[in-house]
Structures are given as C-alpha cells and as structure tokens.
Amino acid sequence: MADARRAFAIVVEGAQAATYGRRLLHFLWESERIRTRAFQCFVLNCLLFLGSQALMEYAIMPIIANLLRHSPMTVHMQQPVQRLLSLLYQLLWVFPAYFISFLVSCSWYEEIASRTYALHFGKRKEAAPNFVSFVIVLRDEAWRFLLTYGLLLQTYALLYFVPYVGGLLHVISLAWYWSFFCFEYTWALHGWTIEERVAALEERWLYLAGFGLPLALLSVSLSTFVGYGIIAFVFPLFVVLATISEPRMHTPSRWLPSRLPLFHLPKRLGLLVVRTLNRRIKPPGAAAPIAATASASAATVDRQTRLEHTRARPHHE
C-alpha cells in the first residue's frame, strides 16, 4: 500500500505540472515570441484546419445533400455521390492540410521550446557545426524516428491485441508517448543523446505518465482529425510546461522498478527495420552499416538497464 500511495503521488505530481496555469501564463507574459507562436498554432490548427472541417461537415455537405435530394437521382445513387465527394475532400484538402500544418507546427514548437529554455535556463552555447556533428545528428534522428514510431505501434497494439485491460494500457502508453515528445525538446537542448532521452523517460516513468495523461485523454476522447487539431493547438503549451518542469525519479522498491523498459520492443523493431534496409542497400565492400550504430545504441541502453537492476536488487530484498 505504501508503494501504491507513493506511485500515485508522483503520477499526480506529473499531472499537476502539466496543468500549472500560473507558470504557463508567466512565460506567455514574458515572451512576445512565445505568445505569437502559440497564437499562430491556434489560428492554423483550430481556425483553419478544424474550421474548414466544420464548414464541410455542417454547411457544405448538408447543402450538397439537399441539392441531391431535389435532383433526378435516385436515393441509391445519392449516397455513393455523397461518399465520393467526402472522400475527395479528405484526399484533396484534409490530408494535405494535415501534413502542411504538422510541418509548420513542428517548427513553431521548436522555436517555442528554444525561447522558453533561454528564459528558464539561460542562453545555450552551441558548438560550431561540422560534417561529423551533422552525420551524428542525422543518425540520431533516424534512430529516434524508428523508436518513436515503434512506441506508437506498441501503444496501439496494446489497444487491439490485449483483452480486458488493453484500453487502460493504451491510455497509459499514450501518456508516455506524449510526454516523450513534450520533454524531448528540452532534453535535446540540454545536449542529451537519444539514448539519454530514452533513459530519462524510462527512469521517470511514473511522473511522465501523469504529465502526458491530459494529452492522452484528449487523444482517445476525440475523432482522429478533430483530436489532432486540438492537440496541435495545446501542444506548445505543454512544451512550455515541460521545459520548466523537473520530472523526478522515484525510490525503487520490490513493486516499483527503478526503470521501466518502455522502449524494449521499439528498439527490437527498429533494429529489424535497419538491418533489413541495410541488407538491401549496402553495396559490396561498404563501411560499417548503420545497423551497427543502432545496435550499439540499443546495447548501451540495455547495459544501463541491467546495471541498474543489479544495483537495485539488494534494495528490493
């Protein structure tokens, strides 16, 4: 019971950090750039993206349906025409708008995080870019892409393939997924590698489950594109809160492991993808494949996990 109370208290602490409006308003007041970018996110995602969908669903489609009812078409012909028009709208507007707004919003999120980081921690010293650092960044981003989308696949696998408790595990996993994206901006500005960011999530799994819970609940409560529009608007606010938060680790015990291997399956899936691609595209006599880099990254995290479990074992007993 003591472990359950401590775990619940840390989860609540994380959820409170994600809804701490006073600190958020302070940074919005301090920085005009943060206010501007947050407002642009609102205009792009709520007014344009969601507004256009509402216009189509509640104005244009009812008008088209009314016109079709007064046309010489039979009822059986009207329904396929409406479905075709709706499909064309999705293909020609919704999906392109989703893609463009995602790219634009991501650049604004990064700028908001950088500005918040500068206000909270001071200006970050950046090393002069060179070819080696560029290759390292490119490698880390490719590995990060595989890990994050592997985590997302794992999240939805829990929903569809785990009976009874799959829905609950899906929400909790979504909370970790959103927390990782919120805090990753700050961790990257700290200069942490992708392995260190993964370790940070796995070691602070209780706190970050609480922090990402509001976004997870939004994700499961709304339809796909409506949910995206609302989350894309509120996400920069969570990025600000993540930048100024200090996610703490818990004291490990028999029932509360010091580190939860959330990325174990995504790492294995990522390695499988990398090795498969490497076998297909590696020319004869090429240098060490990218799979070796990914394997080293995964092995580093695995060694850290085993070491921490070994250290924590006497405490558990």
Protein backbone atom coordinates (compact mmCIF):
# COMPACT_ATOMS: atom_id res chain seq x y z
CA MET A 1 0.00 0.00 0.00
CA ALA A 2 2.87 2.38 0.76
CA ASP A 3 4.30 1.78 -2.72
CA ALA A 4 0.91 2.39 -4.30
CA ARG A 5 0.48 5.67 -2.41
CA ARG A 6 3.95 6.88 -3.39
CA ALA A 7 3.39 5.91 -7.02
CA PHE A 8 0.01 7.66 -7.10
CA ALA A 9 1.51 10.80 -5.53
CA ILE A 10 4.23 11.01 -8.21
CA VAL A 11 1.70 10.47 -11.01
CA VAL A 12 -0.48 13.24 -9.56
CA GLU A 13 2.57 15.49 -9.31
CA GLY A 14 3.24 14.97 -13.00
CA ALA A 15 -0.38 15.70 -13.91
CA GLN A 16 -0.28 18.88 -11.83
CA ALA A 17 2.88 20.00 -13.62
CA ALA A 18 1.04 19.60 -16.93
CA THR A 19 -1.81 21.84 -15.76
CA TYR A 20 0.10 24.50 -13.85
CA GLY A 21 -1.51 27.52 -15.48
CA ARG A 22 0.19 30.19 -13.37
CA ARG A 23 3.71 29.31 -14.52
CA LEU A 24 2.48 28.99 -18.09
CA LEU A 25 0.93 32.45 -18.03
CA HIS A 26 4.17 33.86 -16.62
CA PHE A 27 6.19 32.68 -19.63
CA LEU A 28 3.49 33.73 -22.08
CA TRP A 29 3.58 37.18 -20.49
CA GLU A 30 7.38 37.37 -20.51
CA SER A 31 7.93 36.48 -24.16
CA GLU A 32 6.14 38.05 -27.10
CA ARG A 33 7.63 35.40 -29.39
CA ILE A 34 6.07 32.57 -27.37
CA ARG A 35 2.70 34.36 -27.38
CA THR A 36 2.91 34.93 -31.12
CA ARG A 37 3.80 31.34 -31.97
CA ALA A 38 1.12 29.97 -29.62
CA PHE A 39 -1.48 32.22 -31.28
CA GLN A 40 -0.31 31.12 -34.73
CA CYS A 41 -0.75 27.50 -33.65
CA PHE A 42 -4.31 28.36 -32.62
CA VAL A 43 -5.06 30.08 -35.95
CA LEU A 44 -3.51 27.33 -38.06
CA ASN A 45 -4.90 24.29 -36.26
CA CYS A 46 -8.17 25.49 -34.73
CA LEU A 47 -9.46 28.16 -37.09
CA LEU A 48 -8.13 26.93 -40.44
CA PHE A 49 -7.80 23.16 -40.05
CA LEU A 50 -10.74 22.46 -37.71
CA GLY A 51 -12.78 25.36 -39.10
CA SER A 52 -12.58 24.00 -42.64
CA GLN A 53 -13.70 20.57 -41.44
CA ALA A 54 -16.63 22.08 -39.56
CA LEU A 55 -17.55 24.12 -42.64
CA MET A 56 -17.52 20.99 -44.78
CA GLU A 57 -19.45 18.82 -42.33
CA TYR A 58 -22.08 21.31 -41.15
CA ALA A 59 -22.51 23.60 -44.18
CA ILE A 60 -21.23 22.27 -47.49
CA MET A 61 -22.25 18.61 -47.15
CA PRO A 62 -25.81 19.43 -45.96
CA ILE A 63 -26.21 21.80 -48.93
CA ILE A 64 -24.95 19.11 -51.33
CA ALA A 65 -27.29 16.55 -49.74
CA ASN A 66 -30.22 18.94 -50.16
CA LEU A 67 -29.35 19.56 -53.81
CA LEU A 68 -29.08 15.84 -54.47
CA ARG A 69 -32.49 15.21 -52.92
CA HIS A 70 -34.03 17.65 -55.38
CA SER A 71 -32.12 16.18 -58.32
CA PRO A 72 -33.41 13.44 -60.62
CA MET A 73 -31.00 10.96 -58.94
CA THR A 74 -32.47 8.08 -57.00
CA VAL A 75 -31.73 7.61 -53.30
CA HIS A 76 -29.38 4.72 -54.09
CA MET A 77 -27.33 6.99 -56.37
CA GLN A 78 -27.25 9.94 -53.98
CA GLN A 79 -25.43 8.10 -51.20
CA PRO A 80 -22.46 6.99 -53.36
CA VAL A 81 -22.14 10.53 -54.72
CA GLN A 82 -22.03 11.97 -51.20
CA ARG A 83 -19.42 9.41 -50.12
CA LEU A 84 -17.34 10.17 -53.22
CA LEU A 85 -17.43 13.91 -52.56
CA SER A 86 -16.48 13.33 -48.91
CA LEU A 87 -13.58 11.11 -49.98
CA LEU A 88 -12.36 13.70 -52.49
CA TYR A 89 -12.48 16.35 -49.76
CA GLN A 90 -10.40 14.14 -47.46
CA LEU A 91 -7.82 13.42 -50.17
CA LEU A 92 -7.58 16.89 -51.69
CA TRP A 93 -7.82 19.01 -48.55
CA VAL A 94 -7.74 17.22 -45.19
CA PHE A 95 -4.64 15.08 -45.71
CA PRO A 96 -2.56 17.82 -47.43
CA ALA A 97 -3.66 20.34 -44.79
CA TYR A 98 -2.78 17.87 -42.04
CA PHE A 99 0.69 17.30 -43.48
CA ILE A 100 1.44 21.01 -44.04
CA SER A 101 0.12 22.09 -40.64
CA PHE A 102 2.17 19.33 -38.99
CA LEU A 103 5.39 20.54 -40.60
CA VAL A 104 4.73 24.21 -39.85
CA SER A 105 3.62 23.50 -36.28
CA CYS A 106 6.75 21.43 -35.57
CA SER A 107 8.98 24.36 -36.50
CA TRP A 108 6.95 26.62 -34.19
CA TYR A 109 7.13 24.08 -31.35
CA GLU A 110 10.91 24.02 -31.61
CA GLU A 111 11.08 27.81 -31.55
CA ILE A 112 8.76 27.96 -28.51
CA ALA A 113 10.89 25.39 -26.70
CA SER A 114 14.12 27.25 -27.51
CA ARG A 115 12.73 30.56 -26.31
CA THR A 116 11.33 29.03 -23.10
CA TYR A 117 14.64 27.27 -22.49
CA ALA A 118 16.54 30.55 -22.89
CA LEU A 119 14.24 32.31 -20.41
CA HIS A 120 14.39 29.49 -17.87
CA PHE A 121 17.97 28.20 -18.13
CA GLY A 122 19.78 30.98 -19.96
CA LYS A 123 21.07 31.06 -23.49
CA ARG A 124 22.50 27.75 -24.62
CA LYS A 125 26.03 27.64 -26.01
CA GLU A 126 26.05 25.90 -29.36
CA ALA A 127 29.09 24.20 -30.83
CA ALA A 128 30.20 25.15 -34.32
CA PRO A 129 28.57 22.79 -36.82
CA ASN A 130 30.77 20.42 -38.81
CA PHE A 131 30.34 17.38 -41.01
CA VAL A 132 30.84 14.88 -38.17
CA SER A 133 28.20 16.55 -35.98
CA PHE A 134 25.84 16.64 -38.95
CA VAL A 135 26.24 12.90 -39.51
CA ILE A 136 25.69 12.22 -35.79
CA VAL A 137 22.52 14.32 -35.76
CA LEU A 138 21.27 12.59 -38.91
CA ARG A 139 21.96 9.18 -37.40
CA ASP A 140 20.25 10.07 -34.12
CA GLU A 141 17.20 11.48 -35.90
CA ALA A 142 16.82 8.31 -38.00
CA TRP A 143 17.08 6.15 -34.88
CA ARG A 144 14.73 8.47 -33.00
CA PHE A 145 12.15 8.19 -35.79
CA LEU A 146 12.23 4.40 -35.58
CA LEU A 147 11.98 4.40 -31.78
CA THR A 148 9.10 6.87 -31.51
CA TYR A 149 7.00 5.24 -34.20
CA GLY A 150 7.80 1.85 -32.73
CA LEU A 151 6.50 3.18 -29.41
CA LEU A 152 3.35 4.38 -31.15
CA LEU A 153 2.80 0.97 -32.77
CA GLN A 154 3.30 -0.65 -29.39
CA THR A 155 0.70 1.72 -27.93
CA TYR A 156 -1.96 0.72 -30.45
CA ALA A 157 -1.00 -2.96 -30.23
CA LEU A 158 -1.98 -2.80 -26.56
CA LEU A 159 -5.39 -1.45 -27.57
CA TYR A 160 -6.19 -4.04 -30.23
CA PHE A 161 -4.44 -7.19 -29.03
CA VAL A 162 -4.62 -7.11 -25.22
CA PRO A 163 -8.05 -8.13 -23.92
CA TYR A 164 -9.87 -6.53 -20.98
CA VAL A 165 -7.12 -4.11 -19.85
CA GLY A 166 -5.87 -3.14 -23.32
CA GLY A 167 -7.79 0.15 -23.32
CA LEU A 168 -6.32 1.24 -20.00
CA LEU A 169 -2.79 0.24 -21.02
CA HIS A 170 -3.31 2.11 -24.30
CA VAL A 171 -4.10 5.35 -22.46
CA ILE A 172 -1.10 4.96 -20.13
CA SER A 173 1.21 4.21 -23.05
CA LEU A 174 -0.15 7.24 -24.92
CA ALA A 175 0.67 9.34 -21.87
CA TRP A 176 4.30 8.21 -22.05
CA TYR A 177 4.32 8.81 -25.80
CA TRP A 178 3.12 12.40 -25.47
CA SER A 179 5.41 13.08 -22.50
CA PHE A 180 8.39 11.94 -24.52
CA PHE A 181 7.57 14.43 -27.27
CA CYS A 182 6.94 17.25 -24.80
CA PHE A 183 10.19 16.79 -22.89
CA GLU A 184 12.35 15.82 -25.83
CA TYR A 185 12.77 19.45 -26.89
CA THR A 186 14.31 20.33 -23.53
CA TRP A 187 16.42 17.18 -23.39
CA ALA A 188 17.76 17.91 -26.87
CA LEU A 189 18.59 21.49 -25.85
CA HIS A 190 20.45 20.02 -22.86
CA GLY A 191 22.60 18.23 -25.41
CA TRP A 192 21.40 14.75 -24.47
CA THR A 193 21.74 11.90 -26.96
CA ILE A 194 18.76 9.83 -28.00
CA GLU A 195 19.93 7.07 -25.62
CA GLU A 196 19.92 9.53 -22.72
CA ARG A 197 16.44 10.76 -23.63
CA VAL A 198 15.12 7.21 -23.73
CA ALA A 199 16.72 6.54 -20.35
CA ALA A 200 15.15 9.72 -18.93
CA LEU A 201 11.66 8.54 -19.90
CA GLU A 202 12.20 5.00 -18.64
CA GLU A 203 13.61 6.20 -15.30
CA ARG A 204 10.88 8.80 -14.69
CA TRP A 205 8.02 6.66 -15.90
CA LEU A 206 5.68 7.46 -13.01
CA TYR A 207 6.00 11.24 -13.23
CA LEU A 208 5.78 11.28 -17.03
CA ALA A 209 2.73 9.03 -17.02
CA GLY A 210 0.95 11.77 -15.09
CA PHE A 211 2.33 14.60 -17.23
CA GLY A 212 1.16 13.07 -20.50
CA LEU A 213 -2.22 11.95 -19.19
CA PRO A 214 -4.18 15.09 -20.26
CA LEU A 215 -2.96 14.76 -23.85
CA ALA A 216 -3.63 11.01 -23.83
CA LEU A 217 -7.21 11.58 -22.67
CA LEU A 218 -7.69 14.16 -25.42
CA SER A 219 -6.36 11.66 -27.97
CA VAL A 220 -8.81 8.92 -27.05
CA SER A 221 -11.80 11.21 -26.49
CA LEU A 222 -11.89 12.90 -29.91
CA SER A 223 -12.03 11.72 -33.50
CA THR A 224 -8.75 11.48 -35.40
CA PHE A 225 -8.55 14.84 -37.17
CA VAL A 226 -10.50 16.82 -34.59
CA GLY A 227 -8.24 15.43 -31.91
CA TYR A 228 -5.18 16.33 -33.96
CA GLY A 229 -6.32 19.93 -34.41
CA ILE A 230 -6.96 20.46 -30.70
CA ILE A 231 -3.78 18.69 -29.59
CA ALA A 232 -1.71 20.62 -32.14
CA PHE A 233 -3.03 23.83 -30.59
CA VAL A 234 -2.46 22.92 -26.92
CA PHE A 235 0.80 21.03 -27.51
CA PRO A 236 3.04 24.15 -27.45
CA LEU A 237 1.61 24.99 -24.03
CA PHE A 238 2.67 21.55 -22.81
CA VAL A 239 6.11 22.10 -24.34
CA VAL A 240 6.49 25.27 -22.26
CA LEU A 241 5.38 23.44 -19.12
CA ALA A 242 7.72 20.52 -19.86
CA THR A 243 10.66 22.91 -20.29
CA ILE A 244 10.15 24.45 -16.86
CA SER A 245 9.24 21.20 -15.09
CA GLU A 246 11.65 18.97 -13.21
CA PRO A 247 10.48 15.37 -13.58
CA ARG A 248 11.78 13.45 -10.61
CA MET A 249 12.68 9.83 -10.20
CA HIS A 250 11.08 7.65 -7.55
CA THR A 251 12.67 5.47 -4.92
CA PRO A 252 12.74 1.92 -6.32
CA SER A 253 11.24 -0.96 -4.38
CA ARG A 254 10.07 -4.51 -4.94
CA TRP A 255 6.96 -3.34 -6.80
CA LEU A 256 8.33 -0.10 -8.29
CA PRO A 257 11.27 -0.80 -10.61
CA SER A 258 13.81 1.96 -10.99
CA ARG A 259 13.49 1.77 -14.75
CA LEU A 260 10.65 0.53 -16.96
CA PRO A 261 11.85 -0.80 -20.35
CA LEU A 262 9.24 1.06 -22.40
CA PHE A 263 11.44 1.08 -25.50
CA HIS A 264 12.47 -2.58 -25.39
CA LEU A 265 10.14 -3.70 -28.20
CA PRO A 266 10.52 -0.46 -30.24
CA LYS A 267 14.31 -0.94 -30.13
CA ARG A 268 14.00 -4.51 -31.39
CA LEU A 269 11.61 -3.42 -34.13
CA GLY A 270 13.91 -0.55 -35.09
CA LEU A 271 16.90 -2.86 -35.31
CA LEU A 272 14.93 -5.25 -37.51
CA VAL A 273 13.99 -2.42 -39.89
CA VAL A 274 17.53 -1.04 -40.02
CA ARG A 275 19.12 -4.43 -40.64
CA THR A 276 16.57 -5.25 -43.33
CA LEU A 277 17.23 -1.97 -45.13
CA ASN A 278 20.96 -2.37 -44.68
CA ARG A 279 20.96 -5.79 -46.37
CA ARG A 280 19.03 -4.35 -49.30
CA ILE A 281 21.01 -1.15 -49.91
CA LYS A 282 24.54 -1.89 -48.65
CA PRO A 283 26.96 -2.04 -51.58
CA PRO A 284 29.80 -4.61 -51.58
CA GLY A 285 32.83 -3.53 -49.58
CA ALA A 286 30.91 -0.70 -47.84
CA ALA A 287 31.89 0.66 -44.48
CA ALA A 288 30.25 -0.39 -41.22
CA PRO A 289 26.46 -0.44 -41.72
CA ILE A 290 24.10 1.89 -39.95
CA ALA A 291 22.69 -1.15 -38.19
CA ALA A 292 25.88 -1.33 -36.18
CA THR A 293 25.23 2.17 -34.90
CA ALA A 294 21.67 1.32 -33.97
CA SER A 295 22.80 -1.92 -32.33
CA ALA A 296 25.35 -0.02 -30.28
CA SER A 297 22.72 2.47 -29.19
CA ALA A 298 20.34 -0.27 -28.14
CA ALA A 299 23.08 -2.27 -26.44
CA THR A 300 24.13 0.81 -24.45
CA VAL A 301 20.64 1.27 -23.06
CA ASP A 302 20.32 -2.47 -22.35
CA ARG A 303 23.58 -2.48 -20.41
CA GLN A 304 22.41 0.51 -18.39
CA THR A 305 19.13 -1.26 -17.63
CA ARG A 306 20.84 -4.46 -16.45
CA LEU A 307 23.30 -2.48 -14.35
CA GLU A 308 20.52 -0.51 -12.64
CA HIS A 309 18.52 -3.66 -11.93
CA THR A 310 21.64 -5.27 -10.46
CA ARG A 311 22.21 -2.25 -8.21
CA ALA A 312 18.56 -2.14 -7.16
CA ARG A 313 18.34 -5.87 -6.30
CA PRO A 314 19.72 -5.66 -2.74
CA HIS A 315 17.29 -2.84 -2.00
CA HIS A 316 14.38 -4.95 -3.20
CA GLU A 317 15.31 -7.68 -0.85
